[in-house]
Amino acid sequence: MDYQKIDSFISTETWHSRHPTDIARFFKILHGMVKEPNFNADQMREHMAQQVCF
């Protein structure tokens, strides 16, 4: 699974602000990802943590 699709969301400065626009963008990306047969929420969380934590 290519979890890099979420990187465009994380790279936005306001991704963590819970702004309605950011939330909508997150769910749009997530919706496309969960349709993939090999989607794994734990792996996505780990990918996101690696991108955010240096």
Protein backbone atom coordinates (compact mmCIF):
# COMPACT_ATOMS: atom_id res chain seq x y z
CA MET A 1 0.00 0.00 0.00
CA ASP A 2 1.28 3.46 -0.88
CA TYR A 3 0.74 5.52 2.25
CA GLN A 4 2.56 8.45 0.67
CA LYS A 5 -0.83 9.64 -0.54
CA ILE A 6 -1.34 11.09 2.94
CA ASP A 7 1.93 13.06 2.78
CA SER A 8 0.34 15.96 0.90
CA PHE A 9 -2.06 16.36 3.81
CA ILE A 10 0.68 16.17 6.46
CA SER A 11 2.88 18.65 4.61
CA THR A 12 0.24 21.37 5.01
CA GLU A 13 1.07 23.61 7.98
CA THR A 14 -2.49 23.54 9.30
CA TRP A 15 -3.08 19.77 9.05
CA HIS A 16 -3.37 19.42 12.83
CA SER A 17 -5.64 22.44 13.37
CA ARG A 18 -8.94 20.58 12.94
CA HIS A 19 -10.07 23.28 10.55
CA PRO A 20 -13.10 22.10 8.55
CA THR A 21 -11.15 22.39 5.28
CA ASP A 22 -8.30 20.28 6.65
CA ILE A 23 -10.69 17.67 8.02
CA ALA A 24 -12.46 17.47 4.66
CA ARG A 25 -9.14 17.02 2.83
CA PHE A 26 -8.09 14.28 5.26
CA PHE A 27 -11.30 12.32 4.82
CA LYS A 28 -11.16 12.70 1.04
CA ILE A 29 -7.66 11.20 1.01
CA LEU A 30 -8.60 8.54 3.57
CA HIS A 31 -11.72 7.55 1.64
CA GLY A 32 -9.62 6.78 -1.42
CA MET A 33 -7.10 4.80 0.61
CA VAL A 34 -9.50 2.57 2.56
CA LYS A 35 -10.94 1.26 -0.70
CA GLU A 36 -7.59 -0.40 -1.43
CA PRO A 37 -7.67 -4.11 -0.53
CA ASN A 38 -4.32 -3.97 1.26
CA PHE A 39 -5.11 -0.87 3.38
CA ASN A 40 -3.98 -1.22 6.98
CA ALA A 41 -4.82 1.53 9.48
CA ASP A 42 -1.88 0.63 11.74
CA GLN A 43 0.56 0.90 8.86
CA MET A 44 -0.91 4.24 7.84
CA ARG A 45 -0.58 5.51 11.43
CA GLU A 46 3.03 4.39 11.51
CA HIS A 47 3.73 6.09 8.18
CA MET A 48 2.17 9.32 9.44
CA ALA A 49 4.16 9.16 12.69
CA GLN A 50 7.39 8.74 10.76
CA GLN A 51 6.57 11.79 8.63
CA VAL A 52 5.65 14.00 11.58
CA CYS A 53 8.25 12.88 14.15
CA PHE A 54 11.76 13.66 13.04
